[in-house]
N, C-alpha and C. Protein backbone atom coordinates (compact mmCIF):
# COMPACT_ATOMS: atom_id res chain seq x y z
N UNK A 1 1.29 64.02 10.85
CA UNK A 1 0.27 63.07 10.48
C UNK A 1 -0.97 63.85 10.04
N UNK A 2 -1.57 63.46 8.91
CA UNK A 2 -2.73 64.19 8.44
C UNK A 2 -4.03 63.60 8.98
N UNK A 3 -5.12 64.36 8.81
CA UNK A 3 -6.41 64.00 9.37
C UNK A 3 -6.91 62.66 8.84
N UNK A 4 -6.80 62.42 7.54
CA UNK A 4 -7.30 61.17 6.97
C UNK A 4 -6.56 59.98 7.54
N UNK A 5 -5.26 60.13 7.78
CA UNK A 5 -4.48 59.05 8.39
C UNK A 5 -4.96 58.77 9.82
N UNK A 6 -5.22 59.83 10.57
CA UNK A 6 -5.72 59.66 11.93
C UNK A 6 -7.07 58.94 11.91
N UNK A 7 -7.97 59.37 11.02
CA UNK A 7 -9.29 58.74 10.95
C UNK A 7 -9.17 57.27 10.55
N UNK A 8 -8.25 56.95 9.65
CA UNK A 8 -8.03 55.55 9.27
C UNK A 8 -7.56 54.73 10.47
N UNK A 9 -6.62 55.26 11.22
CA UNK A 9 -6.13 54.55 12.40
C UNK A 9 -7.24 54.35 13.42
N UNK A 10 -8.10 55.34 13.58
CA UNK A 10 -9.22 55.23 14.52
C UNK A 10 -10.15 54.10 14.10
N UNK A 11 -10.54 54.08 12.82
CA UNK A 11 -11.49 53.06 12.37
C UNK A 11 -10.84 51.68 12.31
N UNK A 12 -9.60 51.58 11.88
CA UNK A 12 -8.91 50.29 11.80
C UNK A 12 -8.74 49.64 13.16
N UNK A 13 -8.60 50.45 14.19
CA UNK A 13 -8.35 49.92 15.52
C UNK A 13 -9.57 49.98 16.43
N UNK A 14 -10.74 50.23 15.83
CA UNK A 14 -11.99 50.29 16.59
C UNK A 14 -11.89 51.21 17.80
N UNK A 15 -11.31 52.38 17.59
CA UNK A 15 -11.19 53.37 18.67
C UNK A 15 -12.41 54.28 18.61
N UNK A 16 -13.01 54.50 19.75
CA UNK A 16 -14.16 55.38 19.86
C UNK A 16 -13.70 56.83 19.63
N UNK A 17 -14.28 57.53 18.64
CA UNK A 17 -13.88 58.93 18.40
C UNK A 17 -14.04 59.82 19.64
N UNK A 18 -15.03 59.54 20.50
CA UNK A 18 -15.19 60.32 21.73
C UNK A 18 -13.98 60.15 22.64
N UNK A 19 -13.40 58.96 22.64
CA UNK A 19 -12.21 58.72 23.45
C UNK A 19 -11.03 59.52 22.90
N UNK A 20 -10.95 59.63 21.58
CA UNK A 20 -9.89 60.44 20.97
C UNK A 20 -10.05 61.90 21.40
N UNK A 21 -11.27 62.41 21.34
CA UNK A 21 -11.51 63.79 21.77
C UNK A 21 -11.15 63.99 23.24
N UNK A 22 -11.47 63.01 24.07
CA UNK A 22 -11.14 63.11 25.49
C UNK A 22 -9.63 63.19 25.68
N UNK A 23 -8.90 62.37 24.93
CA UNK A 23 -7.44 62.39 25.04
C UNK A 23 -6.85 63.70 24.52
N UNK A 24 -7.39 64.21 23.42
CA UNK A 24 -6.92 65.49 22.89
C UNK A 24 -7.17 66.59 23.92
N UNK A 25 -8.37 66.59 24.51
CA UNK A 25 -8.70 67.58 25.53
C UNK A 25 -7.74 67.49 26.70
N UNK A 26 -7.43 66.26 27.11
CA UNK A 26 -6.52 66.06 28.24
C UNK A 26 -5.14 66.62 27.92
N UNK A 27 -4.67 66.36 26.71
CA UNK A 27 -3.35 66.86 26.32
C UNK A 27 -3.35 68.38 26.28
N UNK A 28 -4.40 68.96 25.74
CA UNK A 28 -4.46 70.42 25.63
C UNK A 28 -4.82 71.08 26.95
N UNK A 29 -5.24 70.27 27.93
CA UNK A 29 -5.62 70.78 29.25
C UNK A 29 -6.82 71.72 29.17
N UNK A 30 -7.70 71.46 28.23
CA UNK A 30 -8.93 72.22 28.11
C UNK A 30 -10.04 71.20 27.91
N UNK A 31 -10.90 71.05 28.90
CA UNK A 31 -11.99 70.08 28.85
C UNK A 31 -13.11 70.63 27.98
N UNK A 32 -13.14 70.21 26.73
CA UNK A 32 -14.11 70.75 25.78
C UNK A 32 -15.55 70.37 26.14
N UNK A 33 -15.72 69.37 26.99
CA UNK A 33 -17.06 68.95 27.39
C UNK A 33 -17.41 69.45 28.79
N UNK A 34 -16.69 70.42 29.28
CA UNK A 34 -16.92 71.01 30.58
C UNK A 34 -18.38 71.48 30.68
N UNK A 35 -19.07 71.09 31.74
CA UNK A 35 -20.48 71.47 31.90
C UNK A 35 -20.67 72.97 32.00
N UNK A 36 -19.63 73.70 32.36
CA UNK A 36 -19.69 75.16 32.45
C UNK A 36 -19.77 75.80 31.05
N UNK A 37 -19.30 75.09 30.04
CA UNK A 37 -19.25 75.64 28.70
C UNK A 37 -20.56 75.38 27.96
N UNK A 38 -21.20 76.45 27.51
CA UNK A 38 -22.41 76.30 26.69
C UNK A 38 -22.03 75.95 25.26
N UNK A 39 -21.03 76.68 24.73
CA UNK A 39 -20.53 76.45 23.38
C UNK A 39 -19.03 76.70 23.36
N UNK A 40 -18.35 75.96 22.49
CA UNK A 40 -16.90 76.14 22.33
C UNK A 40 -16.58 76.16 20.84
N UNK A 41 -15.80 77.15 20.45
CA UNK A 41 -15.25 77.21 19.10
C UNK A 41 -13.74 77.19 19.24
N UNK A 42 -13.09 76.27 18.54
CA UNK A 42 -11.63 76.21 18.61
C UNK A 42 -11.10 75.98 17.22
N UNK A 43 -10.07 76.72 16.88
CA UNK A 43 -9.39 76.53 15.60
C UNK A 43 -7.90 76.68 15.84
N UNK A 44 -7.16 75.75 15.28
CA UNK A 44 -5.72 75.77 15.47
C UNK A 44 -5.04 75.47 14.14
N UNK A 45 -4.05 76.25 13.79
CA UNK A 45 -3.30 76.02 12.56
C UNK A 45 -2.35 74.84 12.75
N UNK A 46 -2.15 74.11 11.68
CA UNK A 46 -1.11 73.09 11.73
C UNK A 46 0.22 73.79 11.45
N UNK A 47 1.30 73.10 11.68
CA UNK A 47 2.62 73.73 11.53
C UNK A 47 2.88 74.21 10.11
N UNK A 48 2.36 73.48 9.12
CA UNK A 48 2.59 73.90 7.74
C UNK A 48 1.85 75.20 7.44
N UNK A 49 0.76 75.45 8.16
CA UNK A 49 -0.05 76.63 7.90
C UNK A 49 0.34 77.82 8.74
N UNK A 50 1.44 77.74 9.44
CA UNK A 50 1.85 78.84 10.30
C UNK A 50 1.35 78.62 11.72
N UNK A 51 1.36 79.68 12.50
CA UNK A 51 0.97 79.58 13.90
C UNK A 51 -0.32 80.35 14.13
N UNK A 52 -1.20 79.75 14.87
CA UNK A 52 -2.42 80.43 15.27
C UNK A 52 -3.32 79.51 16.06
N UNK A 53 -3.94 80.05 17.08
CA UNK A 53 -4.93 79.30 17.85
C UNK A 53 -5.99 80.28 18.33
N UNK A 54 -7.23 79.89 18.14
CA UNK A 54 -8.37 80.71 18.55
C UNK A 54 -9.30 79.82 19.37
N UNK A 55 -9.71 80.28 20.52
CA UNK A 55 -10.71 79.58 21.31
C UNK A 55 -11.71 80.61 21.79
N UNK A 56 -12.98 80.34 21.56
CA UNK A 56 -14.04 81.19 22.06
C UNK A 56 -15.00 80.28 22.82
N UNK A 57 -15.29 80.64 24.06
CA UNK A 57 -16.17 79.83 24.90
C UNK A 57 -17.30 80.71 25.41
N UNK A 58 -18.52 80.22 25.25
CA UNK A 58 -19.66 80.82 25.94
C UNK A 58 -19.84 80.00 27.20
N UNK A 59 -19.77 80.66 28.35
CA UNK A 59 -19.74 79.94 29.62
C UNK A 59 -20.76 80.46 30.62
N UNK A 60 -21.20 79.58 31.50
CA UNK A 60 -22.05 79.99 32.62
C UNK A 60 -21.22 80.73 33.65
N UNK A 61 -20.05 80.18 33.98
CA UNK A 61 -19.14 80.80 34.94
C UNK A 61 -17.94 81.35 34.17
N UNK A 62 -18.02 82.61 33.83
CA UNK A 62 -17.01 83.25 32.98
C UNK A 62 -15.63 83.25 33.65
N UNK A 63 -15.58 83.49 34.94
CA UNK A 63 -14.28 83.56 35.64
C UNK A 63 -13.57 82.21 35.61
N UNK A 64 -14.31 81.11 35.77
CA UNK A 64 -13.69 79.79 35.70
C UNK A 64 -13.19 79.49 34.29
N UNK A 65 -13.98 79.84 33.29
CA UNK A 65 -13.57 79.63 31.90
C UNK A 65 -12.34 80.49 31.56
N UNK A 66 -12.29 81.69 32.12
CA UNK A 66 -11.14 82.57 31.92
C UNK A 66 -9.86 81.93 32.49
N UNK A 67 -9.99 81.32 33.67
CA UNK A 67 -8.84 80.61 34.26
C UNK A 67 -8.39 79.47 33.37
N UNK A 68 -9.36 78.75 32.78
CA UNK A 68 -9.02 77.66 31.87
C UNK A 68 -8.22 78.17 30.67
N UNK A 69 -8.61 79.31 30.12
CA UNK A 69 -7.90 79.84 28.96
C UNK A 69 -6.54 80.42 29.34
N UNK A 70 -6.43 80.97 30.53
CA UNK A 70 -5.10 81.42 31.00
C UNK A 70 -4.16 80.22 31.11
N UNK A 71 -4.68 79.12 31.64
CA UNK A 71 -3.87 77.89 31.74
C UNK A 71 -3.52 77.37 30.36
N UNK A 72 -4.45 77.45 29.41
CA UNK A 72 -4.17 77.02 28.04
C UNK A 72 -3.07 77.87 27.43
N UNK A 73 -3.11 79.18 27.68
CA UNK A 73 -2.06 80.07 27.16
C UNK A 73 -0.70 79.67 27.72
N UNK A 74 -0.64 79.40 29.01
CA UNK A 74 0.63 78.99 29.62
C UNK A 74 1.14 77.68 29.03
N UNK A 75 0.24 76.74 28.78
CA UNK A 75 0.64 75.47 28.17
C UNK A 75 1.10 75.71 26.73
N UNK A 76 0.42 76.58 26.04
CA UNK A 76 0.81 76.91 24.67
C UNK A 76 2.25 77.44 24.64
N UNK A 77 2.56 78.32 25.58
CA UNK A 77 3.91 78.89 25.66
C UNK A 77 4.94 77.83 26.03
N UNK A 78 4.62 77.02 27.03
CA UNK A 78 5.63 76.11 27.58
C UNK A 78 5.77 74.79 26.83
N UNK A 79 4.70 74.33 26.15
CA UNK A 79 4.74 72.98 25.60
C UNK A 79 4.38 72.87 24.12
N UNK A 80 3.51 73.73 23.63
CA UNK A 80 2.90 73.50 22.33
C UNK A 80 3.40 74.39 21.21
N UNK A 81 4.56 74.98 21.39
CA UNK A 81 5.15 75.81 20.33
C UNK A 81 6.56 75.32 20.05
N UNK A 82 6.72 74.56 18.98
CA UNK A 82 8.03 73.96 18.70
C UNK A 82 9.08 74.94 18.18
N UNK A 83 8.66 76.09 17.70
CA UNK A 83 9.60 77.06 17.15
C UNK A 83 9.63 78.31 18.01
N UNK A 84 10.80 78.92 18.13
CA UNK A 84 10.96 80.11 18.98
C UNK A 84 10.02 81.24 18.56
N UNK A 85 9.86 81.44 17.25
CA UNK A 85 8.97 82.52 16.81
C UNK A 85 7.52 82.24 17.21
N UNK A 86 7.13 80.98 17.27
CA UNK A 86 5.78 80.63 17.73
C UNK A 86 5.65 80.87 19.23
N UNK A 87 6.70 80.59 19.97
CA UNK A 87 6.67 80.84 21.41
C UNK A 87 6.47 82.32 21.68
N UNK A 88 7.14 83.17 20.92
CA UNK A 88 6.98 84.61 21.09
C UNK A 88 5.56 85.05 20.76
N UNK A 89 4.97 84.47 19.71
CA UNK A 89 3.58 84.79 19.38
C UNK A 89 2.64 84.32 20.50
N UNK A 90 2.91 83.15 21.05
CA UNK A 90 2.08 82.63 22.15
C UNK A 90 2.17 83.54 23.38
N UNK A 91 3.35 84.07 23.64
CA UNK A 91 3.50 84.98 24.78
C UNK A 91 2.66 86.23 24.59
N UNK A 92 2.45 86.65 23.35
CA UNK A 92 1.65 87.83 23.08
C UNK A 92 0.17 87.55 22.90
N UNK A 93 -0.24 86.31 23.15
CA UNK A 93 -1.65 85.94 22.99
C UNK A 93 -2.52 86.75 23.94
N UNK A 94 -3.73 86.99 23.50
CA UNK A 94 -4.71 87.74 24.30
C UNK A 94 -5.74 86.77 24.86
N UNK A 95 -5.97 86.86 26.15
CA UNK A 95 -7.06 86.16 26.81
C UNK A 95 -7.98 87.24 27.35
N UNK A 96 -9.25 87.18 26.99
CA UNK A 96 -10.17 88.22 27.43
C UNK A 96 -11.58 87.70 27.62
N UNK A 97 -12.47 88.62 27.96
CA UNK A 97 -13.87 88.25 28.17
C UNK A 97 -14.76 89.40 27.73
N UNK A 98 -15.98 89.02 27.37
CA UNK A 98 -17.01 89.99 27.00
C UNK A 98 -18.34 89.31 27.27
N UNK A 99 -19.07 89.79 28.26
CA UNK A 99 -20.34 89.16 28.63
C UNK A 99 -20.11 87.73 29.08
N UNK A 100 -20.83 86.80 28.47
CA UNK A 100 -20.68 85.37 28.81
C UNK A 100 -19.63 84.67 27.97
N UNK A 101 -18.86 85.43 27.22
CA UNK A 101 -17.85 84.85 26.34
C UNK A 101 -16.44 85.12 26.87
N UNK A 102 -15.60 84.12 26.73
CA UNK A 102 -14.16 84.27 26.99
C UNK A 102 -13.44 83.80 25.73
N UNK A 103 -12.25 84.32 25.53
CA UNK A 103 -11.54 83.97 24.29
C UNK A 103 -10.04 84.00 24.50
N UNK A 104 -9.37 83.20 23.67
CA UNK A 104 -7.92 83.20 23.56
C UNK A 104 -7.61 83.40 22.09
N UNK A 105 -6.76 84.38 21.81
CA UNK A 105 -6.33 84.65 20.44
C UNK A 105 -4.81 84.64 20.43
N UNK A 106 -4.25 83.64 19.78
CA UNK A 106 -2.80 83.49 19.70
C UNK A 106 -2.40 83.48 18.23
N UNK A 107 -1.82 84.57 17.80
CA UNK A 107 -1.38 84.71 16.40
C UNK A 107 -0.68 86.05 16.26
N UNK A 108 -0.22 86.36 15.04
CA UNK A 108 0.31 87.69 14.78
C UNK A 108 -0.84 88.69 14.88
N UNK A 109 -0.56 89.86 15.40
CA UNK A 109 -1.55 90.94 15.51
C UNK A 109 -2.85 90.51 16.17
N UNK A 110 -2.78 89.93 17.37
CA UNK A 110 -4.00 89.43 18.01
C UNK A 110 -5.00 90.54 18.34
N UNK A 111 -4.54 91.76 18.53
CA UNK A 111 -5.42 92.87 18.87
C UNK A 111 -6.41 93.15 17.73
N UNK A 112 -5.96 93.02 16.49
CA UNK A 112 -6.85 93.22 15.35
C UNK A 112 -7.99 92.20 15.36
N UNK A 113 -7.64 90.96 15.64
CA UNK A 113 -8.66 89.90 15.70
C UNK A 113 -9.59 90.14 16.88
N UNK A 114 -9.03 90.55 18.01
CA UNK A 114 -9.85 90.83 19.19
C UNK A 114 -10.85 91.95 18.89
N UNK A 115 -10.39 93.02 18.27
CA UNK A 115 -11.28 94.13 17.94
C UNK A 115 -12.44 93.67 17.04
N UNK A 116 -12.12 92.85 16.06
CA UNK A 116 -13.16 92.32 15.16
C UNK A 116 -14.13 91.42 15.94
N UNK A 117 -13.58 90.55 16.78
CA UNK A 117 -14.43 89.67 17.58
C UNK A 117 -15.36 90.48 18.48
N UNK A 118 -14.83 91.46 19.16
CA UNK A 118 -15.63 92.26 20.07
C UNK A 118 -16.73 93.04 19.34
N UNK A 119 -16.45 93.43 18.10
CA UNK A 119 -17.49 94.13 17.33
C UNK A 119 -18.68 93.22 17.04
N UNK A 120 -18.44 91.91 16.98
CA UNK A 120 -19.51 90.96 16.73
C UNK A 120 -20.18 90.49 18.02
N UNK A 121 -19.44 90.48 19.09
CA UNK A 121 -20.02 90.03 20.37
C UNK A 121 -20.87 91.14 21.00
N UNK A 122 -20.58 92.38 20.63
CA UNK A 122 -21.34 93.53 21.11
C UNK A 122 -21.10 93.80 22.52
């Protein structure tokens, strides 16, 4: 289902977009509105675009946010990868931290992305 179709269904059925976000967060098991999170950046490829998921969180309690991303990685492996090759990429995902930031990088060559990210986080 594409984005425009989802938005049409939301408006046609008078569904509150915040409720949609809450449900998406519940399914992904990552509370995007967690009071511990100062900022969240998330990007996920659709199946047609290949496999990839990036989450970067600036958090007050880094250890708690790190646990959240470890749980997200486990869910990615067990539930959110429909193809075997995607499951293998999810298993190789990197969860890390730097200062007040925690991140999950799930894609081919995640170390390259991590190195680039860390160069910007300082």
